[in-house]
Amino acid sequence: MVTNRLKEVREDLLISKSELAKMAGISHLTIARVEKGVACRQETKRKILAALGLKPSEKEQIFP
């Protein structure tokens, strides 16, 4: 069960998992897990949002 739109948004921006992981300062495996709907820490969500150029207040675009 996928509970976020990370993969969709990442692919729309033509960014690979590895690129996003590097931009966010987290592992490629973490990106893969988050895209599959595995729960993650708020700090991880903040890093992903920042890497995508989003503010924490815009989290609903990725993590509804």
PDB file of N, CA and C in Angstrom:
ATOM      1  N   MET A   1       0.842  -1.192   0.000  1.00  0.00           N
ATOM      2  CA  MET A   1       0.000   0.000   0.000  1.00  0.00           C
ATOM      3  C   MET A   1       0.877   1.241   0.000  1.00  0.00           C
ATOM      4  N   VAL A   2       0.789   2.040  -1.031  1.00  0.00           N
ATOM      5  CA  VAL A   2       1.573   3.266  -1.131  1.00  0.00           C
ATOM      6  C   VAL A   2       0.795   4.397  -0.467  1.00  0.00           C
ATOM      7  N   THR A   3       1.462   5.086   0.441  1.00  0.00           N
ATOM      8  CA  THR A   3       0.794   6.149   1.180  1.00  0.00           C
ATOM      9  C   THR A   3       1.362   7.526   0.863  1.00  0.00           C
ATOM     10  N   ASN A   4       2.129   7.620  -0.232  1.00  0.00           N
ATOM     11  CA  ASN A   4       2.679   8.913  -0.613  1.00  0.00           C
ATOM     12  C   ASN A   4       2.832   8.994  -2.131  1.00  0.00           C
ATOM     13  N   ARG A   5       3.172  10.184  -2.602  1.00  0.00           N
ATOM     14  CA  ARG A   5       3.303  10.416  -4.045  1.00  0.00           C
ATOM     15  C   ARG A   5       4.755  10.626  -4.455  1.00  0.00           C
ATOM     16  N   LEU A   6       5.700  10.191  -3.634  1.00  0.00           N
ATOM     17  CA  LEU A   6       7.106  10.471  -3.898  1.00  0.00           C
ATOM     18  C   LEU A   6       7.557   9.954  -5.259  1.00  0.00           C
ATOM     19  N   LYS A   7       7.265   8.707  -5.564  1.00  0.00           N
ATOM     20  CA  LYS A   7       7.719   8.136  -6.837  1.00  0.00           C
ATOM     21  C   LYS A   7       7.136   8.909  -8.013  1.00  0.00           C
ATOM     22  N   GLU A   8       5.863   9.207  -7.952  1.00  0.00           N
ATOM     23  CA  GLU A   8       5.198   9.949  -9.029  1.00  0.00           C
ATOM     24  C   GLU A   8       5.855  11.315  -9.240  1.00  0.00           C
ATOM     25  N   VAL A   9       6.059  12.041  -8.166  1.00  0.00           N
ATOM     26  CA  VAL A   9       6.654  13.381  -8.262  1.00  0.00           C
ATOM     27  C   VAL A   9       8.100  13.287  -8.743  1.00  0.00           C
ATOM     28  N   ARG A  10       8.853  12.346  -8.199  1.00  0.00           N
ATOM     29  CA  ARG A  10      10.253  12.176  -8.600  1.00  0.00           C
ATOM     30  C   ARG A  10      10.360  11.872 -10.091  1.00  0.00           C
ATOM     31  N   GLU A  11       9.525  10.971 -10.572  1.00  0.00           N
ATOM     32  CA  GLU A  11       9.558  10.620 -11.989  1.00  0.00           C
ATOM     33  C   GLU A  11       9.092  11.776 -12.870  1.00  0.00           C
ATOM     34  N   ASP A  12       8.120  12.547 -12.410  1.00  0.00           N
ATOM     35  CA  ASP A  12       7.678  13.726 -13.166  1.00  0.00           C
ATOM     36  C   ASP A  12       8.812  14.729 -13.331  1.00  0.00           C
ATOM     37  N   LEU A  13       9.691  14.808 -12.331  1.00  0.00           N
ATOM     38  CA  LEU A  13      10.827  15.728 -12.361  1.00  0.00           C
ATOM     39  C   LEU A  13      12.052  15.115 -13.042  1.00  0.00           C
ATOM     40  N   LEU A  14      11.901  13.872 -13.519  1.00  0.00           N
ATOM     41  CA  LEU A  14      12.975  13.141 -14.195  1.00  0.00           C
ATOM     42  C   LEU A  14      14.217  13.012 -13.321  1.00  0.00           C
ATOM     43  N   ILE A  15      14.001  12.688 -12.053  1.00  0.00           N
ATOM     44  CA  ILE A  15      15.090  12.501 -11.095  1.00  0.00           C
ATOM     45  C   ILE A  15      15.131  11.021 -10.727  1.00  0.00           C
ATOM     46  N   SER A  16      16.321  10.439 -10.743  1.00  0.00           N
ATOM     47  CA  SER A  16      16.456   9.039 -10.349  1.00  0.00           C
ATOM     48  C   SER A  16      16.448   8.920  -8.830  1.00  0.00           C
ATOM     49  N   LYS A  17      16.251   7.706  -8.356  1.00  0.00           N
ATOM     50  CA  LYS A  17      16.306   7.470  -6.909  1.00  0.00           C
ATOM     51  C   LYS A  17      17.672   7.865  -6.359  1.00  0.00           C
ATOM     52  N   SER A  18      18.707   7.510  -7.083  1.00  0.00           N
ATOM     53  CA  SER A  18      20.068   7.820  -6.632  1.00  0.00           C
ATOM     54  C   SER A  18      20.308   9.325  -6.574  1.00  0.00           C
ATOM     55  N   GLU A  19      19.835  10.039  -7.581  1.00  0.00           N
ATOM     56  CA  GLU A  19      19.990  11.496  -7.590  1.00  0.00           C
ATOM     57  C   GLU A  19      19.261  12.129  -6.418  1.00  0.00           C
ATOM     58  N   LEU A  20      18.031  11.699  -6.182  1.00  0.00           N
ATOM     59  CA  LEU A  20      17.255  12.255  -5.075  1.00  0.00           C
ATOM     60  C   LEU A  20      17.916  11.927  -3.741  1.00  0.00           C
ATOM     61  N   ALA A  21      18.404  10.714  -3.606  1.00  0.00           N
ATOM     62  CA  ALA A  21      19.075  10.316  -2.364  1.00  0.00           C
ATOM     63  C   ALA A  21      20.295  11.195  -2.105  1.00  0.00           C
ATOM     64  N   LYS A  22      21.064  11.447  -3.136  1.00  0.00           N
ATOM     65  CA  LYS A  22      22.256  12.293  -2.994  1.00  0.00           C
ATOM     66  C   LYS A  22      21.863  13.722  -2.630  1.00  0.00           C
ATOM     67  N   MET A  23      20.854  14.252  -3.300  1.00  0.00           N
ATOM     68  CA  MET A  23      20.382  15.611  -3.032  1.00  0.00           C
ATOM     69  C   MET A  23      19.862  15.748  -1.607  1.00  0.00           C
ATOM     70  N   ALA A  24      19.221  14.696  -1.106  1.00  0.00           N
ATOM     71  CA  ALA A  24      18.614  14.730   0.227  1.00  0.00           C
ATOM     72  C   ALA A  24      19.590  14.318   1.330  1.00  0.00           C
ATOM     73  N   GLY A  25      20.707  13.734   0.949  1.00  0.00           N
ATOM     74  CA  GLY A  25      21.670  13.289   1.942  1.00  0.00           C
ATOM     75  C   GLY A  25      21.222  12.047   2.694  1.00  0.00           C
ATOM     76  N   ILE A  26      20.491  11.190   1.989  1.00  0.00           N
ATOM     77  CA  ILE A  26      20.031   9.929   2.576  1.00  0.00           C
ATOM     78  C   ILE A  26      20.355   8.808   1.597  1.00  0.00           C
ATOM     79  N   SER A  27      20.133   7.577   2.013  1.00  0.00           N
ATOM     80  CA  SER A  27      20.504   6.452   1.157  1.00  0.00           C
ATOM     81  C   SER A  27      19.466   6.176   0.068  1.00  0.00           C
ATOM     82  N   HIS A  28      19.956   5.554  -0.986  1.00  0.00           N
ATOM     83  CA  HIS A  28      19.097   5.118  -2.093  1.00  0.00           C
ATOM     84  C   HIS A  28      18.048   4.147  -1.562  1.00  0.00           C
ATOM     85  N   LEU A  29      18.450   3.290  -0.643  1.00  0.00           N
ATOM     86  CA  LEU A  29      17.536   2.312  -0.055  1.00  0.00           C
ATOM     87  C   LEU A  29      16.400   2.993   0.707  1.00  0.00           C
ATOM     88  N   THR A  30      16.717   4.084   1.385  1.00  0.00           N
ATOM     89  CA  THR A  30      15.674   4.824   2.110  1.00  0.00           C
ATOM     90  C   THR A  30      14.646   5.385   1.141  1.00  0.00           C
ATOM     91  N   ILE A  31      15.101   5.940   0.033  1.00  0.00           N
ATOM     92  CA  ILE A  31      14.170   6.461  -0.986  1.00  0.00           C
ATOM     93  C   ILE A  31      13.269   5.329  -1.469  1.00  0.00           C
ATOM     94  N   ALA A  32      13.855   4.185  -1.780  1.00  0.00           N
ATOM     95  CA  ALA A  32      13.069   3.042  -2.264  1.00  0.00           C
ATOM     96  C   ALA A  32      12.027   2.620  -1.237  1.00  0.00           C
ATOM     97  N   ARG A  33      12.413   2.578   0.024  1.00  0.00           N
ATOM     98  CA  ARG A  33      11.476   2.182   1.077  1.00  0.00           C
ATOM     99  C   ARG A  33      10.339   3.179   1.222  1.00  0.00           C
ATOM    100  N   VAL A  34      10.674   4.460   1.210  1.00  0.00           N
ATOM    101  CA  VAL A  34       9.639   5.500   1.347  1.00  0.00           C
ATOM    102  C   VAL A  34       8.666   5.407   0.179  1.00  0.00           C
ATOM    103  N   GLU A  35       9.184   5.204  -1.028  1.00  0.00           N
ATOM    104  CA  GLU A  35       8.309   5.088  -2.201  1.00  0.00           C
ATOM    105  C   GLU A  35       7.372   3.888  -2.095  1.00  0.00           C
ATOM    106  N   LYS A  36       7.785   2.857  -1.398  1.00  0.00           N
ATOM    107  CA  LYS A  36       6.940   1.671  -1.219  1.00  0.00           C
ATOM    108  C   LYS A  36       5.929   1.847  -0.092  1.00  0.00           C
ATOM    109  N   GLY A  37       6.015   2.978   0.620  1.00  0.00           N
ATOM    110  CA  GLY A  37       5.045   3.243   1.672  1.00  0.00           C
ATOM    111  C   GLY A  37       5.498   2.878   3.066  1.00  0.00           C
ATOM    112  N   VAL A  38       6.779   2.510   3.220  1.00  0.00           N
ATOM    113  CA  VAL A  38       7.301   2.193   4.547  1.00  0.00           C
ATOM    114  C   VAL A  38       7.400   3.497   5.338  1.00  0.00           C
ATOM    115  N   ALA A  39       7.010   3.451   6.598  1.00  0.00           N
ATOM    116  CA  ALA A  39       7.052   4.645   7.441  1.00  0.00           C
ATOM    117  C   ALA A  39       8.489   5.137   7.598  1.00  0.00           C
ATOM    118  N   CYS A  40       8.634   6.449   7.694  1.00  0.00           N
ATOM    119  CA  CYS A  40       9.959   7.034   7.903  1.00  0.00           C
ATOM    120  C   CYS A  40       9.861   8.174   8.914  1.00  0.00           C
ATOM    121  N   ARG A  41      11.016   8.608   9.389  1.00  0.00           N
ATOM    122  CA  ARG A  41      11.057   9.686  10.378  1.00  0.00           C
ATOM    123  C   ARG A  41      10.699  11.021   9.731  1.00  0.00           C
ATOM    124  N   GLN A  42      10.261  11.954  10.567  1.00  0.00           N
ATOM    125  CA  GLN A  42       9.920  13.294  10.077  1.00  0.00           C
ATOM    126  C   GLN A  42      11.144  13.964   9.472  1.00  0.00           C
ATOM    127  N   GLU A  43      12.318  13.742  10.058  1.00  0.00           N
ATOM    128  CA  GLU A  43      13.549  14.337   9.532  1.00  0.00           C
ATOM    129  C   GLU A  43      13.821  13.861   8.107  1.00  0.00           C
ATOM    130  N   THR A  44      13.555  12.593   7.841  1.00  0.00           N
ATOM    131  CA  THR A  44      13.730  12.051   6.494  1.00  0.00           C
ATOM    132  C   THR A  44      12.766  12.734   5.529  1.00  0.00           C
ATOM    133  N   LYS A  45      11.537  12.914   5.950  1.00  0.00           N
ATOM    134  CA  LYS A  45      10.560  13.616   5.110  1.00  0.00           C
ATOM    135  C   LYS A  45      11.018  15.037   4.830  1.00  0.00           C
ATOM    136  N   ARG A  46      11.542  15.721   5.852  1.00  0.00           N
ATOM    137  CA  ARG A  46      12.029  17.097   5.664  1.00  0.00           C
ATOM    138  C   ARG A  46      13.166  17.144   4.650  1.00  0.00           C
ATOM    139  N   LYS A  47      14.083  16.183   4.721  1.00  0.00           N
ATOM    140  CA  LYS A  47      15.203  16.140   3.781  1.00  0.00           C
ATOM    141  C   LYS A  47      14.719  15.912   2.355  1.00  0.00           C
ATOM    142  N   ILE A  48      13.754  15.020   2.195  1.00  0.00           N
ATOM    143  CA  ILE A  48      13.208  14.745   0.864  1.00  0.00           C
ATOM    144  C   ILE A  48      12.504  15.977   0.311  1.00  0.00           C
ATOM    145  N   LEU A  49      11.687  16.613   1.130  1.00  0.00           N
ATOM    146  CA  LEU A  49      10.982  17.817   0.691  1.00  0.00           C
ATOM    147  C   LEU A  49      11.966  18.904   0.285  1.00  0.00           C
ATOM    148  N   ALA A  50      13.005  19.118   1.080  1.00  0.00           N
ATOM    149  CA  ALA A  50      14.005  20.146   0.771  1.00  0.00           C
ATOM    150  C   ALA A  50      14.718  19.827  -0.543  1.00  0.00           C
ATOM    151  N   ALA A  51      15.043  18.559  -0.756  1.00  0.00           N
ATOM    152  CA  ALA A  51      15.707  18.154  -1.994  1.00  0.00           C
ATOM    153  C   ALA A  51      14.831  18.399  -3.218  1.00  0.00           C
ATOM    154  N   LEU A  52      13.528  18.312  -3.030  1.00  0.00           N
ATOM    155  CA  LEU A  52      12.586  18.558  -4.130  1.00  0.00           C
ATOM    156  C   LEU A  52      12.225  20.045  -4.252  1.00  0.00           C
ATOM    157  N   GLY A  53      12.794  20.875  -3.375  1.00  0.00           N
ATOM    158  CA  GLY A  53      12.529  22.306  -3.432  1.00  0.00           C
ATOM    159  C   GLY A  53      11.205  22.701  -2.803  1.00  0.00           C
ATOM    160  N   LEU A  54      10.701  21.868  -1.905  1.00  0.00           N
ATOM    161  CA  LEU A  54       9.432  22.142  -1.243  1.00  0.00           C
ATOM    162  C   LEU A  54       9.657  22.544   0.209  1.00  0.00           C
ATOM    163  N   LYS A  55       8.754  23.354   0.731  1.00  0.00           N
ATOM    164  CA  LYS A  55       8.790  23.753   2.138  1.00  0.00           C
ATOM    165  C   LYS A  55       8.067  22.694   2.967  1.00  0.00           C
ATOM    166  N   PRO A  56       8.388  22.606   4.260  1.00  0.00           N
ATOM    167  CA  PRO A  56       7.668  21.652   5.106  1.00  0.00           C
ATOM    168  C   PRO A  56       6.153  21.862   5.075  1.00  0.00           C
ATOM    169  N   SER A  57       5.717  23.096   4.894  1.00  0.00           N
ATOM    170  CA  SER A  57       4.277  23.364   4.842  1.00  0.00           C
ATOM    171  C   SER A  57       3.623  22.802   3.573  1.00  0.00           C
ATOM    172  N   GLU A  58       4.443  22.407   2.595  1.00  0.00           N
ATOM    173  CA  GLU A  58       3.931  21.845   1.342  1.00  0.00           C
ATOM    174  C   GLU A  58       3.995  20.318   1.337  1.00  0.00           C
ATOM    175  N   LYS A  59       4.167  19.714   2.519  1.00  0.00           N
ATOM    176  CA  LYS A  59       4.345  18.264   2.613  1.00  0.00           C
ATOM    177  C   LYS A  59       3.171  17.479   2.049  1.00  0.00           C
ATOM    178  N   GLU A  60       1.976  18.054   2.065  1.00  0.00           N
ATOM    179  CA  GLU A  60       0.796  17.348   1.571  1.00  0.00           C
ATOM    180  C   GLU A  60       0.900  16.986   0.091  1.00  0.00           C
ATOM    181  N   GLN A  61       1.778  17.688  -0.656  1.00  0.00           N
ATOM    182  CA  GLN A  61       1.966  17.377  -2.066  1.00  0.00           C
ATOM    183  C   GLN A  61       2.627  16.020  -2.249  1.00  0.00           C
ATOM    184  N   ILE A  62       3.400  15.601  -1.256  1.00  0.00           N
ATOM    185  CA  ILE A  62       4.117  14.328  -1.332  1.00  0.00           C
ATOM    186  C   ILE A  62       3.563  13.316  -0.339  1.00  0.00           C
ATOM    187  N   PHE A  63       3.339  13.763   0.896  1.00  0.00           N
ATOM    188  CA  PHE A  63       2.917  12.884   1.989  1.00  0.00           C
ATOM    189  C   PHE A  63       1.532  13.276   2.494  1.00  0.00           C
ATOM    190  N   PRO A  64       0.476  12.858   1.776  1.00  0.00           N
ATOM    191  CA  PRO A  64      -0.887  13.250   2.201  1.00  0.00           C
ATOM    192  C   PRO A  64      -1.317  12.586   3.507  1.00  0.00           C
TER     193      PRO A  64
END
